[in-house]
Protein backbone atom coordinates (compact mmCIF):
# COMPACT_ATOMS: atom_id res chain seq x y z
CA UNK A 1 -9.53 14.86 -3.93
CA UNK A 2 -11.08 13.44 -0.77
CA UNK A 3 -11.21 15.71 2.24
CA UNK A 4 -9.30 14.22 5.15
CA UNK A 5 -10.08 15.73 8.54
CA UNK A 6 -9.08 15.11 12.12
CA UNK A 7 -10.98 16.18 15.21
CA UNK A 8 -8.88 17.38 18.14
CA UNK A 9 -9.70 18.45 21.70
CA UNK A 10 -7.99 21.30 23.53
CA UNK A 11 -8.36 22.45 27.13
CA UNK A 12 -6.96 25.06 29.46
CA UNK A 13 -5.01 23.82 32.49
CA UNK A 14 -5.88 24.96 36.00
CA UNK A 15 -5.07 28.65 36.57
CA UNK A 16 -4.77 29.34 32.81
CA UNK A 17 -7.10 31.81 31.18
CA UNK A 18 -5.67 32.70 27.77
CA UNK A 19 -6.21 30.71 24.58
CA UNK A 20 -2.45 30.55 23.87
CA UNK A 21 -2.15 28.42 27.02
CA UNK A 22 -4.34 25.65 25.60
CA UNK A 23 -3.07 22.09 25.77
CA UNK A 24 -3.82 19.49 23.12
CA UNK A 25 -5.64 16.73 25.00
CA UNK A 26 -6.87 14.36 22.29
CA UNK A 27 -6.44 13.60 18.58
CA UNK A 28 -8.59 11.34 16.41
CA UNK A 29 -11.45 12.32 18.68
CA UNK A 30 -14.89 10.78 18.57
CA UNK A 31 -17.89 12.06 20.55
CA UNK A 32 -17.44 9.23 23.05
CA UNK A 33 -13.72 9.76 23.61
CA UNK A 34 -14.19 13.53 23.86
CA UNK A 35 -16.66 13.14 26.72
CA UNK A 36 -14.46 10.60 28.49
CA UNK A 37 -11.35 12.79 28.23
CA UNK A 38 -13.28 15.87 29.38
CA UNK A 39 -14.33 14.05 32.55
CA UNK A 40 -10.79 12.90 33.29
CA UNK A 41 -9.22 16.26 32.42
CA UNK A 42 -11.76 18.12 34.58
CA UNK A 43 -10.64 16.01 37.54
CA UNK A 44 -7.10 17.27 36.87
CA UNK A 45 -8.24 20.91 36.78
CA UNK A 46 -8.66 21.47 33.05
CA UNK A 47 -11.47 23.74 31.84
CA UNK A 48 -12.70 25.67 28.78
CA UNK A 49 -12.57 22.77 26.38
CA UNK A 50 -12.59 23.37 22.61
CA UNK A 51 -12.81 20.97 19.69
CA UNK A 52 -11.49 21.74 16.23
CA UNK A 53 -11.66 20.07 12.83
CA UNK A 54 -8.32 20.11 11.04
CA UNK A 55 -8.38 19.70 7.26
CA UNK A 56 -5.40 17.47 6.53
CA UNK A 57 -6.02 17.46 2.78
CA UNK A 58 -4.97 21.11 2.38
CA UNK A 59 -1.69 22.76 3.38
CA UNK A 60 -1.93 25.11 6.38
CA UNK A 61 -2.31 28.84 5.72
CA UNK A 62 -0.15 30.45 8.38
CA UNK A 63 -0.90 33.97 7.10
CA UNK A 64 -4.25 33.78 8.94
CA UNK A 65 -2.39 33.25 12.22
CA UNK A 66 -0.17 36.32 12.01
CA UNK A 67 -2.93 38.83 11.32
């Protein structure tokens, strides 16, 4: 089975400091679009950006989230 992944970009809005407050800013991200969105989001007060690779070929394991 081919591995299907998606790169996403998260950021914290102004005055937010906890990871649970992250906002999804971009899906289907490429290095170019990530940098462009970071610049625009920074102007709006976003900070602490994080990218993640999501494996869409496997079902999510929610047991890791509740530990």
